[in-house]
Amino acid sequence: MVSLYIARSKRPSIPGFALFVALGLALSACSQEKAETKEVIRPVKVVEIAKADDTRRLDYSGSVKSRTETSLGFRINGKVIERNVDIGDRVKPGDVLARVDANDYELATRSAQASLMAAQKQVETTDLTRKRAEQLFAKNFASKSQLEAQTLAYEQAVSSRDAAASSLEQAKNQVAYTDLTSGLNGIVTAINADVGQVVGTGTPVVTVAVDGEKEVQIAVPETDIAQFRIGKSVQARFWSDNALVLDGKVREVAGSADLQSRTFAVRVSLPADPRVLLGMTATIEAKVDNANASISIPLSALGQKDGASVVWLVDRAAGTVHMRPVKVADFSDDGVRVADGLRPGDVVVAAGTQFMSENMKVKLPETGDQKAAAAEPAAVPDAGVVR
């Protein structure tokens, strides 16, 4: 009986065995978790550096204008009593654009006409006197000096008559000048005077853009004006229609800069196209040689380390990242231009640079070929036919 009791007391109890198993599983889980958290592989978005640009693009905006734009004014002084056109109206040769009061000029015409009639009567009178003097001189009843005096009076009367005729023609012209007419086909672009306004000789009243070649005028700063030469080919894009792109040529470059803006006016000729209207906003794009070639990267790829600009390069073979200082040339609308520190073929982390550290393990995104290979089903061996 004693030996049997001792044998039973050495056997482990069921609750103790369960506790032992639970502790073992917990320790195993902890060690597995530690093994899994030892190495973190972070997926990253990358960009591969391409060859540096040999050219750069200059963009300047301007408005479409007519190559010839004329400001029309009256050739006389007067009060505007009529305006027959508005902005946007089309005009042709002979159309009356505006009119000034012609009363004073009509009175001047009547006065000149009366003066001409009086001068003509004077010519007739002196002519009769001259002829009578010739007859008397032929009969020795008048001296030669009397004949010469009558001849001179006749010639003076003829000159006065001619002057009066010229004055009459001038007065008639001034009456005709009270109508402001168009001399060319075009479209009205500006009205500078209205009914009731007194204008002087040559004061601009109506501005007309003459039909024909259109062009874009842009303002170019002195830093880039050397890139624009007469005959240079450029492209014109229009804000109203992104699909409308025309080839243009530089027609004119101002010889001096504007005193206020310090820019040079450049005119670019456009080919004839009915879709291009006066006043449209256009962007002139010119490609020029890039003396300081630079490499462009996304702005999100640029990081900072101790006040210096850096990027993170990916080592494809090792699957790790390494920091490299770079020299920034300038910033553009689509990223950053790097002047030094990168070479074609380098793989740069394009986003999340703040999470990078030296020699960190990273996972590159799969290429299209890798995705296709992963999606292709594995070959299944033939199991044969069971009968």
Protein backbone atom coordinates (compact mmCIF):
# COMPACT_ATOMS: atom_id res chain seq x y z
CA MET A 1 0.00 0.00 0.00
CA VAL A 2 2.79 2.41 0.73
CA SER A 3 4.55 1.85 -2.60
CA LEU A 4 1.34 2.46 -4.54
CA TYR A 5 0.76 5.85 -2.88
CA ILE A 6 4.26 6.99 -3.66
CA ALA A 7 3.90 6.10 -7.34
CA ARG A 8 0.67 8.05 -7.66
CA SER A 9 2.07 11.15 -5.95
CA LYS A 10 4.90 11.47 -8.62
CA ARG A 11 2.45 11.78 -11.54
CA PRO A 12 1.85 15.44 -12.61
CA SER A 13 -1.57 17.00 -12.24
CA ILE A 14 -3.68 18.01 -15.28
CA PRO A 15 -3.85 21.79 -14.44
CA GLY A 16 -0.08 22.01 -14.12
CA PHE A 17 0.44 20.36 -17.46
CA ALA A 18 -1.95 22.82 -19.17
CA LEU A 19 -0.11 25.78 -17.67
CA PHE A 20 3.19 24.42 -18.91
CA VAL A 21 1.86 24.09 -22.46
CA ALA A 22 0.44 27.66 -22.43
CA LEU A 23 3.75 29.13 -21.31
CA GLY A 24 5.55 27.28 -24.09
CA LEU A 25 3.19 28.61 -26.75
CA ALA A 26 3.52 32.18 -25.46
CA LEU A 27 7.30 32.04 -25.52
CA SER A 28 7.22 30.62 -29.03
CA ALA A 29 4.92 33.42 -30.24
CA CYS A 30 7.14 36.12 -28.69
CA SER A 31 10.27 34.72 -30.30
CA GLN A 32 8.48 34.53 -33.67
CA GLU A 33 7.28 38.13 -33.35
CA LYS A 34 10.79 39.31 -32.55
CA ALA A 35 12.10 37.46 -35.55
CA GLU A 36 9.50 39.09 -37.78
CA THR A 37 10.21 42.65 -36.52
CA LYS A 38 13.93 42.38 -36.85
CA GLU A 39 13.99 43.58 -40.46
CA VAL A 40 11.53 46.13 -41.94
CA ILE A 41 11.32 46.33 -45.72
CA ARG A 42 9.55 49.53 -46.77
CA PRO A 43 7.97 49.77 -50.23
CA VAL A 44 9.01 52.96 -52.01
CA LYS A 45 8.04 54.96 -55.07
CA VAL A 46 11.06 55.71 -57.26
CA VAL A 47 12.00 57.62 -60.37
CA GLU A 48 14.87 56.78 -62.69
CA ILE A 49 17.05 59.68 -63.79
CA ALA A 50 17.00 60.26 -67.53
CA LYS A 51 19.51 62.15 -69.64
CA ALA A 52 19.83 65.84 -68.84
CA ASP A 53 17.88 68.21 -71.06
CA ASP A 54 19.98 69.88 -73.74
CA THR A 55 17.29 72.48 -74.34
CA ARG A 56 14.96 74.53 -72.21
CA ARG A 57 11.62 76.12 -72.97
CA LEU A 58 10.71 79.78 -72.63
CA ASP A 59 7.02 80.65 -72.24
CA TYR A 60 5.62 84.17 -72.54
CA SER A 61 2.00 85.23 -72.80
CA GLY A 62 0.59 87.96 -75.00
CA SER A 63 -2.47 88.97 -76.97
CA VAL A 64 -3.36 88.54 -80.62
CA LYS A 65 -3.17 91.79 -82.59
CA SER A 66 -3.47 92.83 -86.20
CA ARG A 67 -0.15 93.47 -87.87
CA THR A 68 -1.48 96.88 -88.97
CA GLU A 69 -3.67 98.89 -86.60
CA THR A 70 -4.64 102.43 -87.59
CA SER A 71 -5.95 105.24 -85.38
CA LEU A 72 -8.19 107.43 -87.55
CA GLY A 73 -8.85 111.12 -86.82
CA PHE A 74 -10.39 114.14 -88.53
CA ARG A 75 -8.21 116.37 -90.69
CA ILE A 76 -10.00 119.43 -89.30
CA ASN A 77 -11.23 120.75 -85.97
CA GLY A 78 -14.83 120.39 -84.98
CA LYS A 79 -17.57 119.08 -82.72
CA VAL A 80 -18.54 115.42 -83.22
CA ILE A 81 -22.22 115.25 -84.12
CA GLU A 82 -22.45 111.66 -85.30
CA ARG A 83 -20.74 108.29 -84.64
CA ASN A 84 -21.79 105.39 -86.85
CA VAL A 85 -19.70 102.46 -85.58
CA ASP A 86 -19.11 100.52 -82.37
CA ILE A 87 -16.29 98.30 -81.20
CA GLY A 88 -16.32 95.03 -83.13
CA ASP A 89 -18.03 96.42 -86.24
CA ARG A 90 -16.50 95.55 -89.58
CA VAL A 91 -15.79 98.42 -91.97
CA LYS A 92 -14.83 98.73 -95.62
CA PRO A 93 -13.40 101.55 -97.75
CA GLY A 94 -15.77 104.52 -97.99
CA ASP A 95 -17.79 103.76 -94.82
CA VAL A 96 -18.48 106.91 -92.78
CA LEU A 97 -17.29 106.26 -89.23
CA ALA A 98 -18.04 109.65 -87.65
CA ARG A 99 -18.98 113.22 -88.60
CA VAL A 100 -18.29 116.71 -87.23
CA ASP A 101 -20.39 119.86 -87.56
CA ALA A 102 -19.88 121.25 -91.08
CA ASN A 103 -21.77 124.57 -90.80
CA ASP A 104 -18.70 126.78 -90.46
CA TYR A 105 -16.94 125.01 -93.31
CA GLU A 106 -19.97 125.35 -95.59
CA LEU A 107 -20.08 129.08 -94.87
CA ALA A 108 -16.39 129.31 -95.68
CA THR A 109 -17.10 127.57 -98.97
CA ARG A 110 -19.78 130.10 -99.91
CA SER A 111 -17.44 132.95 -99.04
CA ALA A 112 -14.68 131.47 -101.18
CA GLN A 113 -17.10 130.99 -104.03
CA ALA A 114 -18.17 134.64 -103.86
CA SER A 115 -14.54 135.75 -103.81
CA LEU A 116 -13.89 133.70 -106.90
CA MET A 117 -16.81 135.30 -108.74
CA ALA A 118 -15.55 138.78 -107.82
CA ALA A 119 -12.05 137.90 -108.98
CA GLN A 120 -13.43 136.61 -112.26
CA LYS A 121 -15.29 139.92 -112.84
CA GLN A 122 -12.09 141.79 -112.12
CA VAL A 123 -10.29 139.69 -114.72
CA GLU A 124 -12.95 140.51 -117.29
CA THR A 125 -12.76 144.26 -116.51
CA THR A 126 -8.99 144.45 -116.70
CA ASP A 127 -9.03 142.42 -119.88
CA LEU A 128 -11.27 144.98 -121.60
CA THR A 129 -9.06 147.81 -120.40
CA ARG A 130 -5.95 146.03 -121.65
CA LYS A 131 -7.48 145.41 -125.09
CA ARG A 132 -8.53 149.07 -125.41
CA ALA A 133 -5.03 150.18 -124.49
CA GLU A 134 -3.61 147.93 -127.18
CA GLN A 135 -5.91 149.50 -129.79
CA LEU A 136 -5.01 153.04 -128.73
CA PHE A 137 -1.30 152.21 -128.75
CA ALA A 138 -1.62 150.81 -132.25
CA LYS A 139 -3.09 154.14 -133.40
CA ASN A 140 -0.46 156.13 -131.44
CA PHE A 141 -3.14 157.54 -129.12
CA ALA A 142 -1.63 155.91 -126.01
CA SER A 143 1.87 155.51 -124.79
CA LYS A 144 3.65 152.24 -124.32
CA SER A 145 3.78 152.76 -120.55
CA GLN A 146 -0.02 152.98 -120.42
CA LEU A 147 -0.28 149.69 -122.31
CA GLU A 148 2.17 148.02 -119.95
CA ALA A 149 0.25 149.26 -116.91
CA GLN A 150 -3.04 147.85 -118.22
CA THR A 151 -1.36 144.57 -119.08
CA LEU A 152 0.09 144.31 -115.58
CA ALA A 153 -3.33 145.02 -114.02
CA TYR A 154 -4.84 142.24 -116.09
CA GLU A 155 -2.18 139.75 -115.02
CA GLN A 156 -2.71 140.67 -111.36
CA ALA A 157 -6.44 140.11 -111.74
CA VAL A 158 -5.81 136.67 -113.25
CA SER A 159 -3.55 135.74 -110.32
CA SER A 160 -6.20 136.89 -107.83
CA ARG A 161 -8.77 134.78 -109.66
CA ASP A 162 -6.53 131.69 -109.49
CA ALA A 163 -5.94 132.24 -105.76
CA ALA A 164 -9.68 132.55 -105.17
CA ALA A 165 -10.25 129.32 -107.10
CA SER A 166 -7.70 127.54 -104.91
CA SER A 167 -9.36 128.91 -101.77
CA LEU A 168 -12.68 127.57 -102.98
CA GLU A 169 -11.24 124.11 -103.60
CA GLN A 170 -9.66 124.12 -100.13
CA ALA A 171 -12.97 125.12 -98.54
CA LYS A 172 -14.74 122.31 -100.40
CA ASN A 173 -12.12 119.83 -99.17
CA GLN A 174 -12.67 120.93 -95.59
CA VAL A 175 -16.37 120.28 -95.98
CA ALA A 176 -15.54 116.78 -97.23
CA TYR A 177 -13.20 116.31 -94.26
CA THR A 178 -16.13 116.64 -91.87
CA ASP A 179 -16.83 112.96 -92.66
CA LEU A 180 -14.35 110.46 -91.17
CA THR A 181 -14.23 107.54 -93.60
CA SER A 182 -12.44 104.20 -93.61
CA GLY A 183 -9.82 103.59 -96.25
CA LEU A 184 -9.30 99.85 -95.67
CA ASN A 185 -11.16 96.68 -94.74
CA GLY A 186 -10.92 95.94 -91.03
CA ILE A 187 -12.60 95.78 -87.65
CA VAL A 188 -13.11 98.56 -85.11
CA THR A 189 -11.07 97.89 -81.98
CA ALA A 190 -11.40 101.19 -80.06
CA ILE A 191 -13.57 104.31 -79.83
CA ASN A 192 -11.70 107.35 -78.52
CA ALA A 193 -14.27 110.13 -79.03
CA ASP A 194 -18.04 110.35 -78.86
CA VAL A 195 -20.90 112.60 -79.90
CA GLY A 196 -20.65 116.09 -78.40
CA GLN A 197 -16.88 116.05 -77.97
CA VAL A 198 -14.80 118.75 -79.65
CA VAL A 199 -11.75 117.21 -81.30
CA GLY A 200 -8.68 118.73 -82.85
CA THR A 201 -6.93 117.95 -86.09
CA GLY A 202 -5.48 114.44 -85.96
CA THR A 203 -7.04 113.50 -82.61
CA PRO A 204 -7.65 109.70 -82.65
CA VAL A 205 -11.37 109.01 -82.86
CA VAL A 206 -11.67 105.41 -84.10
CA THR A 207 -9.04 102.65 -84.14
CA VAL A 208 -9.32 100.05 -86.90
CA ALA A 209 -7.40 96.77 -87.08
CA VAL A 210 -6.73 96.15 -90.76
CA ASP A 211 -7.62 92.73 -92.17
CA GLY A 212 -4.62 90.56 -92.94
CA GLU A 213 -1.82 88.91 -91.03
CA LYS A 214 -2.24 88.51 -87.27
CA GLU A 215 0.52 88.40 -84.70
CA VAL A 216 1.15 88.04 -80.98
CA GLN A 217 3.01 90.68 -79.03
CA ILE A 218 4.92 89.50 -75.95
CA ALA A 219 7.19 91.22 -73.42
CA VAL A 220 10.56 89.49 -72.95
CA PRO A 221 12.95 90.39 -70.09
CA GLU A 222 16.52 91.36 -70.89
CA THR A 223 17.81 88.05 -69.49
CA ASP A 224 16.17 86.14 -72.37
CA ILE A 225 15.98 88.69 -75.17
CA ALA A 226 19.18 87.32 -76.72
CA GLN A 227 17.30 84.06 -77.43
CA PHE A 228 14.81 85.83 -79.73
CA ARG A 229 16.07 86.68 -83.19
CA ILE A 230 14.09 87.73 -86.26
CA GLY A 231 13.02 84.59 -88.12
CA LYS A 232 13.21 82.25 -85.09
CA SER A 233 10.54 79.52 -85.15
CA VAL A 234 8.23 79.34 -82.13
CA GLN A 235 4.89 77.77 -81.23
CA ALA A 236 1.72 79.60 -80.25
CA ARG A 237 -0.84 78.01 -77.93
CA PHE A 238 -4.19 79.63 -77.19
CA TRP A 239 -5.99 79.69 -73.86
CA SER A 240 -9.39 79.37 -75.52
CA ASP A 241 -8.52 76.07 -77.25
CA ASN A 242 -5.79 73.76 -75.97
CA ALA A 243 -5.84 71.81 -79.23
CA LEU A 244 -5.08 74.91 -81.29
CA VAL A 245 -1.30 75.08 -81.78
CA LEU A 246 0.24 77.16 -84.59
CA ASP A 247 3.79 77.59 -85.82
CA GLY A 248 4.93 81.19 -85.76
CA LYS A 249 8.04 83.22 -86.52
CA VAL A 250 9.58 86.18 -84.74
CA ARG A 251 8.96 89.16 -87.02
CA GLU A 252 10.14 92.10 -84.95
CA VAL A 253 12.27 92.67 -81.85
CA ALA A 254 12.29 96.06 -80.15
CA GLY A 255 15.61 97.83 -80.23
CA SER A 256 15.23 99.24 -76.70
CA ALA A 257 13.54 98.19 -73.48
CA ASP A 258 10.41 99.76 -72.07
CA LEU A 259 11.37 102.41 -69.52
CA GLN A 260 8.94 101.16 -66.87
CA SER A 261 8.80 97.37 -67.28
CA ARG A 262 12.38 96.99 -68.58
CA THR A 263 11.16 94.40 -71.08
CA PHE A 264 11.51 94.20 -74.85
CA ALA A 265 8.49 94.01 -77.15
CA VAL A 266 8.63 91.01 -79.49
CA ARG A 267 6.11 90.44 -82.28
CA VAL A 268 5.45 86.92 -83.57
CA SER A 269 3.71 86.42 -86.92
CA LEU A 270 0.98 83.77 -87.14
CA PRO A 271 -0.32 81.86 -90.17
CA ALA A 272 -3.83 82.62 -91.36
CA ASP A 273 -6.39 80.66 -89.33
CA PRO A 274 -10.07 81.60 -88.91
CA ARG A 275 -10.05 80.25 -85.34
CA VAL A 276 -7.62 82.94 -84.24
CA LEU A 277 -9.48 86.11 -83.24
CA LEU A 278 -8.18 89.52 -82.28
CA GLY A 279 -7.70 89.94 -78.55
CA MET A 280 -7.20 86.23 -77.80
CA THR A 281 -4.61 85.36 -75.17
CA ALA A 282 -1.78 83.23 -76.50
CA THR A 283 1.35 81.67 -75.04
CA ILE A 284 4.49 81.75 -77.14
CA GLU A 285 6.80 78.77 -76.55
CA ALA A 286 10.41 78.98 -77.68
CA LYS A 287 13.03 76.24 -77.30
CA VAL A 288 16.56 77.45 -76.69
CA ASP A 289 19.90 75.78 -76.04
CA ASN A 290 20.46 74.96 -72.39
CA ALA A 291 23.95 76.18 -71.55
CA ASN A 292 23.75 74.73 -68.02
CA ALA A 293 22.08 71.35 -68.53
CA SER A 294 20.23 70.12 -65.47
CA ILE A 295 18.33 67.02 -64.39
CA SER A 296 14.72 67.33 -63.29
CA ILE A 297 13.28 65.41 -60.33
CA PRO A 298 9.93 65.66 -58.51
CA LEU A 299 9.81 68.14 -55.65
CA SER A 300 8.82 65.31 -53.29
CA ALA A 301 12.16 63.57 -54.01
CA LEU A 302 14.17 66.43 -52.52
CA GLY A 303 15.09 66.22 -48.85
CA GLN A 304 17.07 68.28 -46.33
CA LYS A 305 19.93 67.15 -44.11
CA ASP A 306 21.82 69.60 -41.92
CA GLY A 307 20.70 72.47 -44.16
CA ALA A 308 21.88 70.75 -47.36
CA SER A 309 19.72 69.42 -50.19
CA VAL A 310 19.86 65.62 -50.48
CA VAL A 311 18.20 62.75 -52.31
CA TRP A 312 17.97 59.05 -51.49
CA LEU A 313 19.39 56.66 -54.07
CA VAL A 314 18.28 53.05 -54.31
CA ASP A 315 20.83 50.26 -54.73
CA ARG A 316 18.91 47.77 -56.85
CA ALA A 317 21.25 44.86 -56.11
CA ALA A 318 21.25 45.26 -52.32
CA GLY A 319 17.72 46.64 -52.05
CA THR A 320 18.89 49.48 -49.79
CA VAL A 321 18.89 53.29 -49.89
CA HIS A 322 21.79 55.71 -49.52
CA MET A 323 21.79 59.47 -49.07
CA ARG A 324 23.54 61.72 -51.61
CA PRO A 325 23.94 65.53 -51.50
CA VAL A 326 22.84 67.43 -54.61
CA LYS A 327 23.09 70.98 -55.92
CA VAL A 328 19.76 72.57 -56.84
CA ALA A 329 19.77 74.79 -59.94
CA ASP A 330 16.23 76.17 -59.70
CA PHE A 331 12.60 75.22 -59.20
CA SER A 332 10.09 74.72 -62.00
CA ASP A 333 6.36 74.13 -62.26
CA ASP A 334 6.83 70.35 -62.47
CA GLY A 335 9.67 69.80 -59.97
CA VAL A 336 13.27 70.67 -59.19
CA ARG A 337 16.24 71.05 -61.53
CA VAL A 338 19.44 69.54 -60.14
CA ALA A 339 22.72 70.89 -61.48
CA ASP A 340 25.09 68.43 -59.79
CA GLY A 341 24.94 65.17 -57.83
CA LEU A 342 22.89 62.91 -60.11
CA ARG A 343 23.72 60.85 -63.17
CA PRO A 344 21.53 59.22 -65.81
CA GLY A 345 20.42 55.78 -64.60
CA ASP A 346 20.32 56.67 -60.89
CA VAL A 347 17.17 55.47 -59.10
CA VAL A 348 15.86 58.09 -56.68
CA VAL A 349 13.19 57.72 -54.00
CA ALA A 350 10.37 59.94 -55.25
CA ALA A 351 8.22 60.16 -52.11
CA GLY A 352 8.48 59.63 -48.37
CA THR A 353 12.07 60.81 -48.04
CA GLN A 354 11.45 61.79 -44.40
CA PHE A 355 11.12 58.09 -43.50
CA MET A 356 14.40 57.04 -45.12
CA SER A 357 17.57 56.15 -43.24
CA GLU A 358 20.99 54.97 -44.39
CA ASN A 359 21.05 51.32 -45.59
CA MET A 360 17.31 50.90 -45.00
CA LYS A 361 15.85 47.92 -46.83
CA VAL A 362 13.29 48.94 -49.44
CA LYS A 363 11.08 47.20 -51.91
CA LEU A 364 10.85 48.58 -55.43
CA PRO A 365 7.51 48.62 -57.25
CA GLU A 366 6.95 45.73 -59.63
CA THR A 367 7.40 46.37 -63.32
CA GLY A 368 4.85 45.36 -65.92
CA ASP A 369 6.82 42.21 -66.83
CA GLN A 370 7.05 41.16 -63.19
CA LYS A 371 3.32 41.59 -62.68
CA ALA A 372 2.58 39.55 -65.80
CA ALA A 373 4.88 36.77 -64.64
CA ALA A 374 3.25 36.70 -61.21
CA ALA A 375 -0.21 36.56 -62.71
CA GLU A 376 0.64 33.63 -65.04
CA PRO A 377 -0.65 30.32 -63.53
CA ALA A 378 1.89 27.60 -62.70
CA ALA A 379 1.93 24.45 -64.86
CA VAL A 380 0.07 21.49 -63.30
CA PRO A 381 1.58 18.05 -63.99
CA ASP A 382 -0.65 15.51 -65.71
CA ALA A 383 -2.05 13.16 -63.03
CA GLY A 384 -3.14 10.61 -65.59
CA VAL A 385 -6.52 8.99 -65.99
CA VAL A 386 -7.90 6.71 -63.27
CA ARG A 387 -10.05 3.89 -64.55
